[in-house]
């Protein structure tokens, strides 16, 4: 079973990394006010998929972090809270990266 999970992790790892990168782009675009609806929707979808994928590998903290990002990106983001949200997203993403690195 452990070997099968290890093979699956290797298979899904590039997708996981790409989804985290999509979240990073959104977090960086937020404070500049340049986050497009398409980027937000893409980041929202990436967070949703990350939550499920990381849960499949027992990375429950990663799932919780991805869900926080998913909820934050669920709505249109155009307010003065974008700098704060960008900071929160960046923090969640950094922790996500750590959770993923620990799994490797």
N, C-alpha and C. Protein backbone atom coordinates (compact mmCIF):
# COMPACT_ATOMS: atom_id res chain seq x y z
N UNK A 1 0.82 -1.19 0.00
CA UNK A 1 0.00 0.00 0.00
C UNK A 1 0.87 1.26 0.00
N UNK A 2 1.93 1.25 0.82
CA UNK A 2 2.82 2.41 0.90
C UNK A 2 3.49 2.67 -0.44
N UNK A 3 3.84 1.61 -1.15
CA UNK A 3 4.48 1.77 -2.46
C UNK A 3 3.51 2.35 -3.47
N UNK A 4 2.26 1.92 -3.41
CA UNK A 4 1.25 2.45 -4.32
C UNK A 4 1.03 3.93 -4.06
N UNK A 5 0.97 4.32 -2.79
CA UNK A 5 0.81 5.74 -2.46
C UNK A 5 2.02 6.56 -2.90
N UNK A 6 3.19 5.98 -2.77
CA UNK A 6 4.41 6.67 -3.20
C UNK A 6 4.39 6.90 -4.71
N UNK A 7 3.93 5.90 -5.46
CA UNK A 7 3.83 6.06 -6.92
C UNK A 7 2.80 7.11 -7.29
N UNK A 8 1.68 7.10 -6.59
CA UNK A 8 0.64 8.11 -6.84
C UNK A 8 1.15 9.51 -6.51
N UNK A 9 1.88 9.63 -5.41
CA UNK A 9 2.44 10.93 -5.03
C UNK A 9 3.35 11.45 -6.15
N UNK A 10 4.20 10.57 -6.66
CA UNK A 10 5.10 10.95 -7.74
C UNK A 10 4.31 11.39 -8.98
N UNK A 11 3.23 10.70 -9.24
CA UNK A 11 2.39 11.03 -10.40
C UNK A 11 1.70 12.38 -10.22
N UNK A 12 1.18 12.66 -9.02
CA UNK A 12 0.41 13.88 -8.79
C UNK A 12 1.25 15.09 -8.40
N UNK A 13 2.49 14.87 -8.04
CA UNK A 13 3.33 15.96 -7.54
C UNK A 13 3.45 17.14 -8.51
N UNK A 14 3.66 16.92 -9.81
CA UNK A 14 3.73 18.08 -10.72
C UNK A 14 2.43 18.90 -10.73
N UNK A 15 1.29 18.23 -10.68
CA UNK A 15 0.00 18.93 -10.63
C UNK A 15 -0.14 19.72 -9.34
N UNK A 16 0.30 19.12 -8.24
CA UNK A 16 0.24 19.78 -6.93
C UNK A 16 1.09 21.05 -6.96
N UNK A 17 2.30 20.93 -7.47
CA UNK A 17 3.20 22.08 -7.55
C UNK A 17 2.61 23.18 -8.43
N UNK A 18 2.01 22.80 -9.55
CA UNK A 18 1.41 23.78 -10.45
C UNK A 18 0.24 24.49 -9.77
N UNK A 19 -0.54 23.77 -9.02
CA UNK A 19 -1.68 24.39 -8.33
C UNK A 19 -1.22 25.36 -7.26
N UNK A 20 -0.16 25.02 -6.55
CA UNK A 20 0.39 25.94 -5.56
C UNK A 20 0.92 27.19 -6.26
N UNK A 21 1.58 27.00 -7.40
CA UNK A 21 2.09 28.15 -8.17
C UNK A 21 0.96 29.05 -8.63
N UNK A 22 -0.17 28.47 -9.01
CA UNK A 22 -1.34 29.25 -9.41
C UNK A 22 -1.83 30.11 -8.24
N UNK A 23 -1.83 29.53 -7.05
CA UNK A 23 -2.20 30.30 -5.85
C UNK A 23 -1.22 31.43 -5.60
N UNK A 24 0.06 31.17 -5.81
CA UNK A 24 1.07 32.21 -5.60
C UNK A 24 0.87 33.39 -6.55
N UNK A 25 0.55 33.11 -7.79
CA UNK A 25 0.30 34.18 -8.76
C UNK A 25 -0.87 35.05 -8.29
N UNK A 26 -1.91 34.42 -7.80
CA UNK A 26 -3.07 35.17 -7.32
C UNK A 26 -2.70 36.02 -6.11
N UNK A 27 -1.95 35.45 -5.19
CA UNK A 27 -1.56 36.18 -3.98
C UNK A 27 -0.69 37.39 -4.33
N UNK A 28 0.16 37.24 -5.33
CA UNK A 28 1.02 38.35 -5.74
C UNK A 28 0.26 39.43 -6.50
N UNK A 29 -0.76 39.04 -7.22
CA UNK A 29 -1.53 40.01 -8.01
C UNK A 29 -2.50 40.82 -7.14
N UNK A 30 -2.93 40.25 -6.04
CA UNK A 30 -3.93 40.90 -5.18
C UNK A 30 -3.54 42.30 -4.71
N UNK A 31 -2.39 42.50 -4.07
CA UNK A 31 -2.10 43.82 -3.53
C UNK A 31 -1.91 44.88 -4.61
N UNK A 32 -1.54 44.45 -5.80
CA UNK A 32 -1.37 45.39 -6.91
C UNK A 32 -2.69 45.72 -7.58
N UNK A 33 -3.74 44.99 -7.18
CA UNK A 33 -5.05 45.21 -7.78
C UNK A 33 -5.14 44.68 -9.20
N UNK A 34 -4.23 43.76 -9.54
CA UNK A 34 -4.20 43.26 -10.92
C UNK A 34 -4.72 41.83 -11.06
N UNK A 35 -5.35 41.32 -10.03
CA UNK A 35 -5.91 39.96 -10.10
C UNK A 35 -7.14 39.98 -10.99
N UNK A 36 -7.08 39.25 -12.09
CA UNK A 36 -8.22 39.19 -12.99
C UNK A 36 -9.22 38.16 -12.49
N UNK A 37 -10.43 38.26 -12.99
CA UNK A 37 -11.44 37.26 -12.63
C UNK A 37 -10.99 35.87 -13.04
N UNK A 38 -10.35 35.78 -14.20
CA UNK A 38 -9.87 34.48 -14.68
C UNK A 38 -8.81 33.91 -13.74
N UNK A 39 -7.89 34.76 -13.28
CA UNK A 39 -6.85 34.30 -12.35
C UNK A 39 -7.47 33.86 -11.02
N UNK A 40 -8.45 34.65 -10.54
CA UNK A 40 -9.11 34.31 -9.28
C UNK A 40 -9.82 32.98 -9.40
N UNK A 41 -10.55 32.80 -10.49
CA UNK A 41 -11.28 31.55 -10.70
C UNK A 41 -10.32 30.36 -10.83
N UNK A 42 -9.22 30.58 -11.52
CA UNK A 42 -8.21 29.53 -11.68
C UNK A 42 -7.59 29.17 -10.32
N UNK A 43 -7.29 30.19 -9.52
CA UNK A 43 -6.72 29.96 -8.19
C UNK A 43 -7.74 29.27 -7.28
N UNK A 44 -8.99 29.66 -7.39
CA UNK A 44 -10.05 29.04 -6.60
C UNK A 44 -10.15 27.55 -6.95
N UNK A 45 -10.14 27.24 -8.25
CA UNK A 45 -10.20 25.84 -8.68
C UNK A 45 -8.96 25.07 -8.23
N UNK A 46 -7.79 25.70 -8.31
CA UNK A 46 -6.56 25.05 -7.88
C UNK A 46 -6.62 24.73 -6.39
N UNK A 47 -7.12 25.66 -5.59
CA UNK A 47 -7.23 25.43 -4.14
C UNK A 47 -8.19 24.28 -3.85
N UNK A 48 -9.30 24.25 -4.57
CA UNK A 48 -10.29 23.18 -4.39
C UNK A 48 -9.66 21.81 -4.69
N UNK A 49 -8.94 21.73 -5.81
CA UNK A 49 -8.31 20.47 -6.20
C UNK A 49 -7.21 20.08 -5.23
N UNK A 50 -6.46 21.07 -4.75
CA UNK A 50 -5.41 20.78 -3.77
C UNK A 50 -6.00 20.20 -2.49
N UNK A 51 -7.11 20.77 -2.05
CA UNK A 51 -7.74 20.28 -0.82
C UNK A 51 -8.05 18.79 -0.93
N UNK A 52 -8.61 18.39 -2.05
CA UNK A 52 -8.94 16.98 -2.25
C UNK A 52 -7.73 16.09 -2.41
N UNK A 53 -6.79 16.54 -3.23
CA UNK A 53 -5.60 15.73 -3.49
C UNK A 53 -4.76 15.54 -2.24
N UNK A 54 -4.53 16.62 -1.50
CA UNK A 54 -3.72 16.51 -0.30
C UNK A 54 -4.39 15.63 0.75
N UNK A 55 -5.71 15.70 0.82
CA UNK A 55 -6.45 14.84 1.74
C UNK A 55 -6.29 13.37 1.39
N UNK A 56 -6.23 13.08 0.10
CA UNK A 56 -6.05 11.71 -0.35
C UNK A 56 -4.74 11.12 0.16
N UNK A 57 -3.75 12.00 0.35
CA UNK A 57 -2.45 11.55 0.84
C UNK A 57 -2.30 11.72 2.35
N UNK A 58 -3.39 12.03 3.03
CA UNK A 58 -3.36 12.15 4.48
C UNK A 58 -2.74 13.45 4.98
N UNK A 59 -2.60 14.42 4.10
CA UNK A 59 -2.02 15.71 4.49
C UNK A 59 -3.14 16.65 4.91
N UNK A 60 -3.68 16.37 6.07
CA UNK A 60 -4.88 17.07 6.54
C UNK A 60 -4.65 18.56 6.76
N UNK A 61 -3.47 18.93 7.23
CA UNK A 61 -3.16 20.36 7.40
C UNK A 61 -3.14 21.04 6.03
N UNK A 62 -2.59 20.37 5.05
CA UNK A 62 -2.59 20.92 3.69
C UNK A 62 -3.99 21.09 3.15
N UNK A 63 -4.85 20.13 3.44
CA UNK A 63 -6.25 20.23 3.03
C UNK A 63 -6.91 21.44 3.68
N UNK A 64 -6.67 21.63 4.97
CA UNK A 64 -7.27 22.76 5.68
C UNK A 64 -6.78 24.09 5.11
N UNK A 65 -5.49 24.17 4.81
CA UNK A 65 -4.93 25.41 4.25
C UNK A 65 -5.51 25.68 2.86
N UNK A 66 -5.60 24.64 2.05
CA UNK A 66 -6.16 24.80 0.70
C UNK A 66 -7.63 25.22 0.77
N UNK A 67 -8.36 24.68 1.73
CA UNK A 67 -9.77 25.08 1.88
C UNK A 67 -9.90 26.54 2.30
N UNK A 68 -8.99 27.00 3.16
CA UNK A 68 -9.00 28.42 3.55
C UNK A 68 -8.80 29.28 2.31
N UNK A 69 -7.84 28.91 1.49
CA UNK A 69 -7.58 29.66 0.26
C UNK A 69 -8.78 29.59 -0.68
N UNK A 70 -9.37 28.41 -0.77
CA UNK A 70 -10.55 28.24 -1.63
C UNK A 70 -11.68 29.16 -1.20
N UNK A 71 -11.95 29.20 0.08
CA UNK A 71 -13.02 30.06 0.58
C UNK A 71 -12.71 31.54 0.36
N UNK A 72 -11.46 31.91 0.56
CA UNK A 72 -11.06 33.30 0.37
C UNK A 72 -11.19 33.72 -1.09
N UNK A 73 -10.98 32.79 -1.99
CA UNK A 73 -11.02 33.11 -3.42
C UNK A 73 -12.38 32.82 -4.06
N UNK A 74 -13.34 32.42 -3.25
CA UNK A 74 -14.66 32.05 -3.77
C UNK A 74 -15.45 33.25 -4.28
N UNK A 75 -15.16 34.42 -3.74
CA UNK A 75 -15.93 35.61 -4.10
C UNK A 75 -15.08 36.60 -4.85
N UNK A 76 -15.75 37.52 -5.50
CA UNK A 76 -15.08 38.60 -6.19
C UNK A 76 -14.28 39.40 -5.17
N UNK A 77 -13.01 39.62 -5.44
CA UNK A 77 -12.14 40.29 -4.48
C UNK A 77 -11.79 41.68 -5.01
N UNK A 78 -12.50 42.66 -4.54
CA UNK A 78 -12.20 44.04 -4.92
C UNK A 78 -12.54 44.94 -3.74
N UNK A 79 -11.65 44.94 -2.78
CA UNK A 79 -11.89 45.76 -1.60
C UNK A 79 -10.57 46.19 -0.99
N UNK A 80 -10.66 46.98 0.04
CA UNK A 80 -9.45 47.43 0.73
C UNK A 80 -8.79 46.31 1.52
N UNK A 81 -9.47 45.19 1.65
CA UNK A 81 -8.93 44.06 2.41
C UNK A 81 -7.98 43.20 1.56
N UNK A 82 -7.72 43.60 0.32
CA UNK A 82 -6.92 42.76 -0.56
C UNK A 82 -5.48 42.61 -0.07
N UNK A 83 -4.90 43.66 0.54
CA UNK A 83 -3.53 43.55 1.05
C UNK A 83 -3.49 42.53 2.19
N UNK A 84 -4.46 42.59 3.08
CA UNK A 84 -4.53 41.64 4.18
C UNK A 84 -4.75 40.23 3.66
N UNK A 85 -5.65 40.08 2.70
CA UNK A 85 -5.93 38.76 2.13
C UNK A 85 -4.69 38.23 1.41
N UNK A 86 -3.99 39.08 0.70
CA UNK A 86 -2.77 38.66 0.03
C UNK A 86 -1.76 38.14 1.04
N UNK A 87 -1.64 38.81 2.15
CA UNK A 87 -0.72 38.38 3.21
C UNK A 87 -1.15 37.02 3.77
N UNK A 88 -2.44 36.87 4.01
CA UNK A 88 -2.95 35.58 4.52
C UNK A 88 -2.70 34.47 3.51
N UNK A 89 -3.03 34.75 2.23
CA UNK A 89 -2.80 33.74 1.19
C UNK A 89 -1.33 33.35 1.13
N UNK A 90 -0.46 34.34 1.16
CA UNK A 90 0.97 34.07 1.10
C UNK A 90 1.41 33.20 2.28
N UNK A 91 0.86 33.46 3.44
CA UNK A 91 1.18 32.66 4.62
C UNK A 91 0.68 31.23 4.46
N UNK A 92 -0.54 31.09 3.99
CA UNK A 92 -1.10 29.75 3.77
C UNK A 92 -0.29 28.99 2.73
N UNK A 93 0.11 29.69 1.67
CA UNK A 93 0.87 29.05 0.59
C UNK A 93 2.23 28.59 1.11
N UNK A 94 2.89 29.43 1.90
CA UNK A 94 4.18 29.04 2.47
C UNK A 94 4.04 27.79 3.33
N UNK A 95 2.97 27.75 4.12
CA UNK A 95 2.75 26.57 4.95
C UNK A 95 2.40 25.36 4.09
N UNK A 96 1.62 25.57 3.03
CA UNK A 96 1.31 24.49 2.10
C UNK A 96 2.59 23.90 1.52
N UNK A 97 3.48 24.79 1.10
CA UNK A 97 4.77 24.33 0.53
C UNK A 97 5.54 23.48 1.55
N UNK A 98 5.50 23.90 2.81
CA UNK A 98 6.20 23.15 3.86
C UNK A 98 5.56 21.77 4.06
N UNK A 99 4.24 21.73 4.08
CA UNK A 99 3.52 20.46 4.24
C UNK A 99 3.87 19.52 3.09
N UNK A 100 3.89 20.06 1.87
CA UNK A 100 4.20 19.25 0.69
C UNK A 100 5.65 18.78 0.73
N UNK A 101 6.55 19.66 1.11
CA UNK A 101 7.98 19.30 1.19
C UNK A 101 8.20 18.20 2.22
N UNK A 102 7.46 18.24 3.32
CA UNK A 102 7.59 17.21 4.35
C UNK A 102 7.12 15.85 3.84
N UNK A 103 6.21 15.83 2.89
CA UNK A 103 5.68 14.58 2.33
C UNK A 103 6.66 13.91 1.39
N UNK A 104 7.48 14.72 0.74
CA UNK A 104 8.41 14.18 -0.25
C UNK A 104 9.32 13.24 0.42
